[in-house]
Amino acid sequence: LPLVSVAAAMLLGWMLRNLRTSGFGRAVRAGAQHEAAAVSVGVNIGRVHALTFAFTTALAAVGGALVAVQTQAVAASRYDVMRSLALYGMVAIFGAGSLLSAVLAAVAFLGTPYLILELDLPIGGKGIPPDGPGGGAYLVWGVALVLTTLLAPRGLLPSDRKSTRLISSHVA
């Protein structure tokens, strides 16, 4: 099952990389950066928004299907507000400008509780799982989010040169 998940992730990553460089990917970026300018060069914003929504929904469906196959059950209790905020925090930490940052955010989200358990770190409430509310992973993610916000407001992997200069000026 983990190999199927890795294969699906690699296939979807390849598709996303190719989509970014396609005409549709350029239209999405143009619409995201300046809608009026995109319309002025002939981009149908309504169509781009609808197709983007459909594509991201399909990606979410694949992820949900993989989770359902792995856990053999899907319950609403696994998807609480804190978990959603933690995922959002991971994206904010690594930046939202590249596929690499999304992959690193997922690895950090899944890897932090695993490392806390494997290394037997005394972080979080006693008897609380690391990825549960009050667990150590939320503390680690929160501290990382605060530090990233202070030192690299656009994330650790910014997508443009301006951000890179901003981060190097804070570090230097």
N, C-alpha and C. Protein backbone atom coordinates (compact mmCIF):
# COMPACT_ATOMS: atom_id res chain seq x y z
N LEU A 1 0.81 -1.21 0.00
CA LEU A 1 0.00 0.00 0.00
C LEU A 1 0.85 1.27 0.00
N PRO A 2 1.93 1.32 0.79
CA PRO A 2 2.77 2.52 0.71
C PRO A 2 3.37 2.72 -0.69
N LEU A 3 3.70 1.63 -1.38
CA LEU A 3 4.24 1.75 -2.73
C LEU A 3 3.20 2.32 -3.69
N VAL A 4 1.94 1.94 -3.52
CA VAL A 4 0.87 2.49 -4.36
C VAL A 4 0.74 3.99 -4.10
N SER A 5 0.83 4.38 -2.84
CA SER A 5 0.75 5.80 -2.49
C SER A 5 1.91 6.59 -3.09
N VAL A 6 3.11 6.03 -2.99
CA VAL A 6 4.28 6.70 -3.56
C VAL A 6 4.16 6.77 -5.08
N ALA A 7 3.70 5.70 -5.70
CA ALA A 7 3.52 5.71 -7.16
C ALA A 7 2.48 6.75 -7.57
N ALA A 8 1.38 6.82 -6.83
CA ALA A 8 0.35 7.82 -7.14
C ALA A 8 0.90 9.23 -6.96
N ALA A 9 1.66 9.44 -5.89
CA ALA A 9 2.25 10.77 -5.66
C ALA A 9 3.22 11.14 -6.76
N MET A 10 4.02 10.19 -7.20
CA MET A 10 4.98 10.48 -8.27
C MET A 10 4.26 10.77 -9.59
N LEU A 11 3.22 10.00 -9.89
CA LEU A 11 2.45 10.23 -11.12
C LEU A 11 1.77 11.59 -11.08
N LEU A 12 1.15 11.92 -9.95
CA LEU A 12 0.47 13.21 -9.85
C LEU A 12 1.48 14.37 -9.86
N GLY A 13 2.64 14.17 -9.24
CA GLY A 13 3.69 15.19 -9.29
C GLY A 13 4.17 15.44 -10.70
N TRP A 14 4.33 14.36 -11.46
CA TRP A 14 4.74 14.49 -12.87
C TRP A 14 3.66 15.24 -13.66
N MET A 15 2.40 14.89 -13.41
CA MET A 15 1.30 15.58 -14.10
C MET A 15 1.27 17.06 -13.74
N LEU A 16 1.45 17.38 -12.47
CA LEU A 16 1.42 18.78 -12.04
C LEU A 16 2.59 19.56 -12.63
N ARG A 17 3.75 18.93 -12.68
CA ARG A 17 4.91 19.61 -13.27
C ARG A 17 4.66 19.92 -14.74
N ASN A 18 4.09 18.97 -15.46
CA ASN A 18 3.77 19.20 -16.87
C ASN A 18 2.65 20.22 -17.02
N LEU A 19 1.70 20.20 -16.11
CA LEU A 19 0.60 21.16 -16.18
C LEU A 19 1.09 22.59 -16.00
N ARG A 20 2.07 22.76 -15.12
CA ARG A 20 2.62 24.10 -14.86
C ARG A 20 3.19 24.74 -16.11
N THR A 21 3.80 23.96 -16.96
CA THR A 21 4.44 24.51 -18.16
C THR A 21 3.52 24.51 -19.37
N SER A 22 2.32 23.98 -19.23
CA SER A 22 1.37 23.95 -20.35
C SER A 22 0.69 25.31 -20.51
N GLY A 23 -0.04 25.46 -21.58
CA GLY A 23 -0.79 26.69 -21.81
C GLY A 23 -1.80 26.94 -20.71
N PHE A 24 -2.46 25.88 -20.24
CA PHE A 24 -3.42 26.03 -19.15
C PHE A 24 -2.72 26.50 -17.86
N GLY A 25 -1.55 25.94 -17.59
CA GLY A 25 -0.81 26.35 -16.39
C GLY A 25 -0.41 27.82 -16.45
N ARG A 26 0.00 28.26 -17.62
CA ARG A 26 0.34 29.67 -17.78
C ARG A 26 -0.90 30.55 -17.61
N ALA A 27 -2.05 30.08 -18.10
CA ALA A 27 -3.30 30.84 -17.95
C ALA A 27 -3.70 30.93 -16.47
N VAL A 28 -3.51 29.85 -15.72
CA VAL A 28 -3.82 29.87 -14.29
C VAL A 28 -2.92 30.87 -13.57
N ARG A 29 -1.62 30.82 -13.87
CA ARG A 29 -0.69 31.77 -13.22
C ARG A 29 -1.01 33.20 -13.60
N ALA A 30 -1.34 33.43 -14.86
CA ALA A 30 -1.67 34.79 -15.31
C ALA A 30 -2.91 35.29 -14.59
N GLY A 31 -3.92 34.44 -14.48
CA GLY A 31 -5.15 34.84 -13.78
C GLY A 31 -4.91 35.07 -12.30
N ALA A 32 -4.02 34.30 -11.70
CA ALA A 32 -3.73 34.47 -10.28
C ALA A 32 -2.95 35.75 -10.01
N GLN A 33 -2.06 36.12 -10.95
CA GLN A 33 -1.24 37.30 -10.72
C GLN A 33 -1.99 38.59 -11.01
N HIS A 34 -2.75 38.62 -12.09
CA HIS A 34 -3.51 39.84 -12.43
C HIS A 34 -4.63 39.46 -13.38
N GLU A 35 -5.85 39.34 -12.83
CA GLU A 35 -6.98 38.87 -13.61
C GLU A 35 -7.28 39.76 -14.82
N ALA A 36 -7.26 41.07 -14.62
CA ALA A 36 -7.59 41.98 -15.73
C ALA A 36 -6.57 41.87 -16.86
N ALA A 37 -5.31 41.73 -16.50
CA ALA A 37 -4.28 41.58 -17.54
C ALA A 37 -4.45 40.26 -18.29
N ALA A 38 -4.81 39.20 -17.56
CA ALA A 38 -5.02 37.92 -18.20
C ALA A 38 -6.19 37.98 -19.18
N VAL A 39 -7.27 38.63 -18.77
CA VAL A 39 -8.43 38.77 -19.66
C VAL A 39 -8.04 39.58 -20.89
N SER A 40 -7.20 40.59 -20.71
CA SER A 40 -6.83 41.45 -21.84
C SER A 40 -6.01 40.70 -22.91
N VAL A 41 -5.36 39.59 -22.52
CA VAL A 41 -4.61 38.81 -23.51
C VAL A 41 -5.38 37.57 -23.96
N GLY A 42 -6.66 37.50 -23.60
CA GLY A 42 -7.52 36.45 -24.13
C GLY A 42 -7.76 35.25 -23.24
N VAL A 43 -7.40 35.32 -21.97
CA VAL A 43 -7.64 34.20 -21.07
C VAL A 43 -9.10 34.26 -20.60
N ASN A 44 -9.81 33.15 -20.76
CA ASN A 44 -11.18 33.05 -20.28
C ASN A 44 -11.13 32.67 -18.80
N ILE A 45 -11.24 33.67 -17.94
CA ILE A 45 -11.05 33.48 -16.50
C ILE A 45 -12.09 32.53 -15.92
N GLY A 46 -13.34 32.64 -16.35
CA GLY A 46 -14.38 31.74 -15.85
C GLY A 46 -14.06 30.29 -16.14
N ARG A 47 -13.61 30.02 -17.34
CA ARG A 47 -13.24 28.65 -17.73
C ARG A 47 -12.03 28.18 -16.93
N VAL A 48 -11.04 29.04 -16.78
CA VAL A 48 -9.83 28.68 -16.02
C VAL A 48 -10.19 28.36 -14.57
N HIS A 49 -11.05 29.17 -13.96
CA HIS A 49 -11.44 28.93 -12.57
C HIS A 49 -12.19 27.61 -12.45
N ALA A 50 -13.12 27.34 -13.37
CA ALA A 50 -13.90 26.10 -13.31
C ALA A 50 -13.00 24.88 -13.49
N LEU A 51 -12.08 24.92 -14.46
CA LEU A 51 -11.18 23.79 -14.69
C LEU A 51 -10.20 23.59 -13.54
N THR A 52 -9.75 24.70 -12.97
CA THR A 52 -8.85 24.60 -11.81
C THR A 52 -9.57 23.95 -10.64
N PHE A 53 -10.80 24.36 -10.40
CA PHE A 53 -11.60 23.77 -9.32
C PHE A 53 -11.79 22.28 -9.57
N ALA A 54 -12.13 21.91 -10.80
CA ALA A 54 -12.33 20.50 -11.14
C ALA A 54 -11.05 19.70 -10.94
N PHE A 55 -9.93 20.24 -11.36
CA PHE A 55 -8.66 19.53 -11.25
C PHE A 55 -8.25 19.34 -9.80
N THR A 56 -8.38 20.39 -9.00
CA THR A 56 -8.00 20.27 -7.59
C THR A 56 -8.95 19.34 -6.84
N THR A 57 -10.21 19.33 -7.24
CA THR A 57 -11.16 18.39 -6.64
C THR A 57 -10.77 16.96 -6.97
N ALA A 58 -10.35 16.72 -8.20
CA ALA A 58 -9.90 15.38 -8.59
C ALA A 58 -8.66 14.96 -7.79
N LEU A 59 -7.74 15.89 -7.57
CA LEU A 59 -6.56 15.58 -6.76
C LEU A 59 -6.96 15.22 -5.33
N ALA A 60 -7.89 15.98 -4.77
CA ALA A 60 -8.37 15.69 -3.41
C ALA A 60 -9.07 14.34 -3.36
N ALA A 61 -9.81 13.99 -4.41
CA ALA A 61 -10.49 12.70 -4.46
C ALA A 61 -9.49 11.55 -4.48
N VAL A 62 -8.41 11.70 -5.22
CA VAL A 62 -7.38 10.66 -5.25
C VAL A 62 -6.77 10.51 -3.86
N GLY A 63 -6.46 11.63 -3.22
CA GLY A 63 -5.92 11.57 -1.86
C GLY A 63 -6.89 10.92 -0.89
N GLY A 64 -8.16 11.29 -0.97
CA GLY A 64 -9.16 10.69 -0.10
C GLY A 64 -9.33 9.20 -0.34
N ALA A 65 -9.27 8.79 -1.60
CA ALA A 65 -9.37 7.37 -1.92
C ALA A 65 -8.18 6.59 -1.34
N LEU A 66 -6.99 7.17 -1.44
CA LEU A 66 -5.81 6.49 -0.88
C LEU A 66 -5.91 6.38 0.64
N VAL A 67 -6.41 7.43 1.29
CA VAL A 67 -6.59 7.37 2.75
C VAL A 67 -7.63 6.32 3.11
N ALA A 68 -8.74 6.26 2.36
CA ALA A 68 -9.79 5.28 2.64
C ALA A 68 -9.29 3.86 2.46
N VAL A 69 -8.49 3.62 1.44
CA VAL A 69 -7.94 2.28 1.21
C VAL A 69 -6.96 1.92 2.33
N GLN A 70 -6.16 2.87 2.75
CA GLN A 70 -5.16 2.60 3.78
C GLN A 70 -5.79 2.34 5.14
N THR A 71 -6.76 3.17 5.54
CA THR A 71 -7.33 3.06 6.88
C THR A 71 -8.54 2.14 6.94
N GLN A 72 -9.08 1.75 5.79
CA GLN A 72 -10.25 0.90 5.69
C GLN A 72 -11.52 1.55 6.23
N ALA A 73 -11.44 2.80 6.63
CA ALA A 73 -12.61 3.54 7.10
C ALA A 73 -12.29 5.03 7.05
N VAL A 74 -13.31 5.81 6.82
CA VAL A 74 -13.13 7.26 6.82
C VAL A 74 -14.10 7.83 7.84
N ALA A 75 -13.58 8.53 8.81
CA ALA A 75 -14.42 9.12 9.86
C ALA A 75 -14.13 10.61 9.95
N ALA A 76 -15.15 11.37 10.24
CA ALA A 76 -15.01 12.82 10.35
C ALA A 76 -14.07 13.22 11.48
N SER A 77 -13.93 12.39 12.49
CA SER A 77 -13.08 12.73 13.63
C SER A 77 -11.61 12.84 13.24
N ARG A 78 -11.21 12.20 12.13
CA ARG A 78 -9.82 12.30 11.68
C ARG A 78 -9.50 13.64 11.04
N TYR A 79 -10.52 14.41 10.69
CA TYR A 79 -10.33 15.65 9.94
C TYR A 79 -10.90 16.82 10.72
N ASP A 80 -10.30 17.11 11.84
CA ASP A 80 -10.78 18.21 12.67
C ASP A 80 -10.13 19.53 12.25
N VAL A 81 -10.56 20.60 12.87
CA VAL A 81 -10.08 21.94 12.53
C VAL A 81 -8.59 22.07 12.82
N MET A 82 -8.13 21.50 13.92
CA MET A 82 -6.71 21.63 14.27
C MET A 82 -5.81 20.99 13.21
N ARG A 83 -6.23 19.84 12.69
CA ARG A 83 -5.44 19.18 11.66
C ARG A 83 -5.40 20.03 10.39
N SER A 84 -6.53 20.64 10.05
CA SER A 84 -6.57 21.52 8.87
C SER A 84 -5.67 22.72 9.06
N LEU A 85 -5.69 23.31 10.25
CA LEU A 85 -4.82 24.46 10.52
C LEU A 85 -3.35 24.06 10.51
N ALA A 86 -3.05 22.86 10.98
CA ALA A 86 -1.67 22.38 10.96
C ALA A 86 -1.20 22.20 9.51
N LEU A 87 -2.05 21.65 8.67
CA LEU A 87 -1.69 21.52 7.25
C LEU A 87 -1.45 22.89 6.62
N TYR A 88 -2.32 23.83 6.93
CA TYR A 88 -2.15 25.19 6.42
C TYR A 88 -0.85 25.80 6.94
N GLY A 89 -0.54 25.52 8.19
CA GLY A 89 0.72 26.01 8.77
C GLY A 89 1.94 25.43 8.07
N MET A 90 1.88 24.15 7.70
CA MET A 90 2.99 23.53 6.98
C MET A 90 3.20 24.20 5.63
N VAL A 91 2.12 24.52 4.94
CA VAL A 91 2.24 25.21 3.66
C VAL A 91 2.83 26.60 3.88
N ALA A 92 2.41 27.28 4.94
CA ALA A 92 2.96 28.61 5.23
C ALA A 92 4.45 28.53 5.58
N ILE A 93 4.86 27.49 6.26
CA ILE A 93 6.27 27.34 6.63
C ILE A 93 7.14 27.13 5.39
N PHE A 94 6.73 26.25 4.51
CA PHE A 94 7.57 25.92 3.37
C PHE A 94 7.32 26.81 2.16
N GLY A 95 6.20 27.51 2.12
CA GLY A 95 5.88 28.37 0.99
C GLY A 95 4.92 27.66 0.05
N ALA A 96 4.15 28.43 -0.67
CA ALA A 96 3.14 27.85 -1.55
C ALA A 96 3.51 28.00 -3.01
N GLY A 97 4.76 28.28 -3.30
CA GLY A 97 5.14 28.61 -4.66
C GLY A 97 5.69 27.48 -5.50
N SER A 98 5.85 26.27 -4.93
CA SER A 98 6.44 25.21 -5.73
C SER A 98 5.93 23.85 -5.28
N LEU A 99 6.10 22.87 -6.14
CA LEU A 99 5.72 21.51 -5.80
C LEU A 99 6.64 20.95 -4.71
N LEU A 100 7.91 21.33 -4.75
CA LEU A 100 8.85 20.86 -3.74
C LEU A 100 8.42 21.30 -2.34
N SER A 101 7.94 22.54 -2.22
CA SER A 101 7.50 23.01 -0.91
C SER A 101 6.28 22.23 -0.44
N ALA A 102 5.39 21.85 -1.34
CA ALA A 102 4.23 21.04 -0.96
C ALA A 102 4.65 19.65 -0.50
N VAL A 103 5.62 19.07 -1.18
CA VAL A 103 6.12 17.75 -0.80
C VAL A 103 6.79 17.83 0.57
N LEU A 104 7.61 18.84 0.79
CA LEU A 104 8.28 18.99 2.09
C LEU A 104 7.28 19.25 3.20
N ALA A 105 6.22 20.01 2.91
CA ALA A 105 5.18 20.25 3.91
C ALA A 105 4.49 18.94 4.29
N ALA A 106 4.21 18.09 3.31
CA ALA A 106 3.59 16.80 3.60
C ALA A 106 4.52 15.90 4.40
N VAL A 107 5.79 15.89 4.04
CA VAL A 107 6.77 15.07 4.77
C VAL A 107 6.88 15.57 6.22
N ALA A 108 6.93 16.87 6.42
CA ALA A 108 7.01 17.41 7.79
C ALA A 108 5.74 17.11 8.57
N PHE A 109 4.59 17.21 7.91
CA PHE A 109 3.31 16.95 8.58
C PHE A 109 3.22 15.50 9.03
N LEU A 110 3.65 14.58 8.19
CA LEU A 110 3.58 13.16 8.54
C LEU A 110 4.78 12.70 9.36
N GLY A 111 5.93 13.32 9.12
CA GLY A 111 7.16 12.87 9.75
C GLY A 111 7.36 13.34 11.18
N THR A 112 6.83 14.50 11.52
CA THR A 112 7.04 15.03 12.87
C THR A 112 6.48 14.10 13.95
N PRO A 113 5.21 13.68 13.86
CA PRO A 113 4.72 12.75 14.89
C PRO A 113 5.49 11.43 14.91
N TYR A 114 5.87 10.95 13.74
CA TYR A 114 6.63 9.71 13.65
C TYR A 114 7.97 9.84 14.37
N LEU A 115 8.68 10.95 14.12
CA LEU A 115 9.98 11.16 14.78
C LEU A 115 9.82 11.32 16.29
N ILE A 116 8.76 11.99 16.72
CA ILE A 116 8.54 12.15 18.16
C ILE A 116 8.36 10.79 18.82
N LEU A 117 7.60 9.91 18.15
CA LEU A 117 7.41 8.55 18.69
C LEU A 117 8.70 7.73 18.64
N GLU A 118 9.38 7.75 17.50
CA GLU A 118 10.57 6.92 17.32
C GLU A 118 11.72 7.34 18.22
N LEU A 119 11.88 8.66 18.41
CA LEU A 119 12.97 9.16 19.24
C LEU A 119 12.57 9.26 20.71
N ASP A 120 11.30 8.94 20.99
CA ASP A 120 10.75 8.99 22.36
C ASP A 120 11.01 10.35 23.01
N LEU A 121 10.70 11.41 22.27
CA LEU A 121 10.90 12.77 22.77
C LEU A 121 9.79 13.15 23.74
N PRO A 122 10.13 13.75 24.87
CA PRO A 122 9.10 14.14 25.85
C PRO A 122 8.44 15.47 25.49
N ILE A 123 7.74 15.50 24.36
CA ILE A 123 7.07 16.72 23.91
C ILE A 123 5.58 16.46 23.91
N GLY A 124 4.81 17.39 24.47
CA GLY A 124 3.36 17.25 24.47
C GLY A 124 2.86 16.62 25.76
N GLY A 125 1.55 16.47 25.83
CA GLY A 125 0.92 15.90 27.01
C GLY A 125 1.22 14.43 27.19
N LYS A 126 1.27 13.98 28.43
CA LYS A 126 1.57 12.59 28.73
C LYS A 126 0.39 11.71 28.30
N GLY A 127 0.70 10.68 27.52
CA GLY A 127 -0.34 9.76 27.08
C GLY A 127 -1.14 10.25 25.88
N ILE A 128 -0.79 11.42 25.34
CA ILE A 128 -1.50 11.96 24.17
C ILE A 128 -0.67 11.63 22.94
N PRO A 129 -1.30 11.12 21.89
CA PRO A 129 -0.53 10.85 20.67
C PRO A 129 0.07 12.13 20.11
N PRO A 130 1.25 12.06 19.52
CA PRO A 130 1.92 13.27 19.04
C PRO A 130 1.10 14.06 18.02
N ASP A 131 0.27 13.38 17.23
CA ASP A 131 -0.51 14.11 16.23
C ASP A 131 -1.91 14.45 16.70
N GLY A 132 -2.20 14.22 17.98
CA GLY A 132 -3.49 14.60 18.55
C GLY A 132 -3.41 15.98 19.17
N PRO A 133 -4.57 16.65 19.35
CA PRO A 133 -4.55 17.95 20.02
C PRO A 133 -3.90 17.83 21.40
N GLY A 134 -2.95 18.68 21.66
CA GLY A 134 -2.17 18.61 22.89
C GLY A 134 -0.93 17.75 22.74
N GLY A 135 -0.74 17.17 21.56
CA GLY A 135 0.44 16.35 21.30
C GLY A 135 1.62 17.21 20.92
N GLY A 136 2.79 16.61 20.93
CA GLY A 136 4.02 17.34 20.69
C GLY A 136 4.18 17.88 19.28
N ALA A 137 3.57 17.25 18.29
CA ALA A 137 3.72 17.70 16.91
C ALA A 137 3.14 19.11 16.75
N TYR A 138 2.02 19.37 17.38
CA TYR A 138 1.42 20.69 17.26
C TYR A 138 2.32 21.78 17.86
N LEU A 139 3.03 21.45 18.93
CA LEU A 139 3.97 22.40 19.52
C LEU A 139 5.13 22.66 18.57
N VAL A 140 5.68 21.60 18.00
CA VAL A 140 6.79 21.75 17.05
C VAL A 140 6.36 22.58 15.85
N TRP A 141 5.18 22.26 15.29
CA TRP A 141 4.68 22.99 14.12
C TRP A 141 4.41 24.44 14.45
N GLY A 142 3.88 24.71 15.64
CA GLY A 142 3.60 26.09 16.04
C GLY A 142 4.86 26.92 16.18
N VAL A 143 5.88 26.35 16.83
CA VAL A 143 7.15 27.07 16.98
C VAL A 143 7.78 27.31 15.61
N ALA A 144 7.73 26.30 14.75
CA ALA A 144 8.29 26.46 13.40
C ALA A 144 7.54 27.54 12.62
N LEU A 145 6.23 27.59 12.78
CA LEU A 145 5.44 28.60 12.08
C LEU A 145 5.77 30.00 12.56
N VAL A 146 5.92 30.19 13.86
CA VAL A 146 6.26 31.51 14.41
C VAL A 146 7.64 31.93 13.93
N LEU A 147 8.62 31.04 14.00
CA LEU A 147 9.97 31.38 13.57
C LEU A 147 10.02 31.69 12.07
N THR A 148 9.30 30.91 11.27
CA THR A 148 9.28 31.15 9.84
C THR A 148 8.61 32.48 9.52
N THR A 149 7.54 32.78 10.23
CA THR A 149 6.85 34.05 10.00
C THR A 149 7.77 35.23 10.30
N LEU A 150 8.58 35.11 11.33
CA LEU A 150 9.50 36.19 11.69
C LEU A 150 10.69 36.29 10.74
N LEU A 151 11.27 35.14 10.37
CA LEU A 151 12.51 35.15 9.59
C LEU A 151 12.30 35.07 8.09
N ALA A 152 11.26 34.38 7.64
CA ALA A 152 11.02 34.20 6.20
C ALA A 152 9.52 34.27 5.93
N PRO A 153 8.96 35.47 5.88
CA PRO A 153 7.50 35.62 5.78
C PRO A 153 6.87 34.92 4.56
N ARG A 154 7.64 34.70 3.51
CA ARG A 154 7.08 34.02 2.32
C ARG A 154 7.35 32.53 2.33
N GLY A 155 7.90 32.01 3.41
CA GLY A 155 8.18 30.58 3.51
C GLY A 155 9.64 30.27 3.31
N LEU A 156 10.02 29.04 3.63
CA LEU A 156 11.41 28.64 3.52
C LEU A 156 11.86 28.45 2.08
N LEU A 157 10.91 28.15 1.19
CA LEU A 157 11.23 27.96 -0.22
C LEU A 157 10.45 28.97 -1.06
N PRO A 158 10.87 30.21 -1.05
CA PRO A 158 10.12 31.22 -1.82
C PRO A 158 10.22 30.94 -3.31
N SER A 159 9.22 31.42 -4.04
CA SER A 159 9.18 31.11 -5.47
C SER A 159 9.74 32.22 -6.34
N ASP A 160 10.23 33.28 -5.75
CA ASP A 160 10.78 34.35 -6.58
C ASP A 160 12.06 34.91 -5.98
N ARG A 161 12.80 35.65 -6.77
CA ARG A 161 14.10 36.17 -6.34
C ARG A 161 13.97 37.22 -5.24
N LYS A 162 12.89 37.99 -5.26
CA LYS A 162 12.69 39.02 -4.23
C LYS A 162 12.64 38.38 -2.85
N SER A 163 11.95 37.27 -2.73
CA SER A 163 11.85 36.58 -1.45
C SER A 163 13.19 36.03 -1.03
N THR A 164 13.96 35.51 -1.97
CA THR A 164 15.28 34.97 -1.66
C THR A 164 16.18 36.06 -1.08
N ARG A 165 16.12 37.24 -1.68
CA ARG A 165 16.92 38.36 -1.13
C ARG A 165 16.43 38.74 0.26
N LEU A 166 15.11 38.72 0.48
CA LEU A 166 14.53 39.06 1.78
C LEU A 166 15.02 38.11 2.85
N ILE A 167 15.03 36.80 2.54
CA ILE A 167 15.46 35.80 3.52
C ILE A 167 16.95 35.96 3.79
N SER A 168 17.77 36.15 2.75
CA SER A 168 19.21 36.27 2.97
C SER A 168 19.55 37.51 3.78
N SER A 169 18.75 38.57 3.66
CA SER A 169 19.02 39.77 4.47
C SER A 169 18.68 39.53 5.93
N HIS A 170 17.71 38.67 6.23
CA HIS A 170 17.38 38.36 7.61
C HIS A 170 18.38 37.41 8.26
N VAL A 171 18.90 36.48 7.45
CA VAL A 171 19.83 35.51 7.96
C VAL A 171 21.20 36.11 8.15
N ALA A 172 21.61 36.97 7.23
CA ALA A 172 22.96 37.54 7.27
C ALA A 172 23.15 38.52 8.40
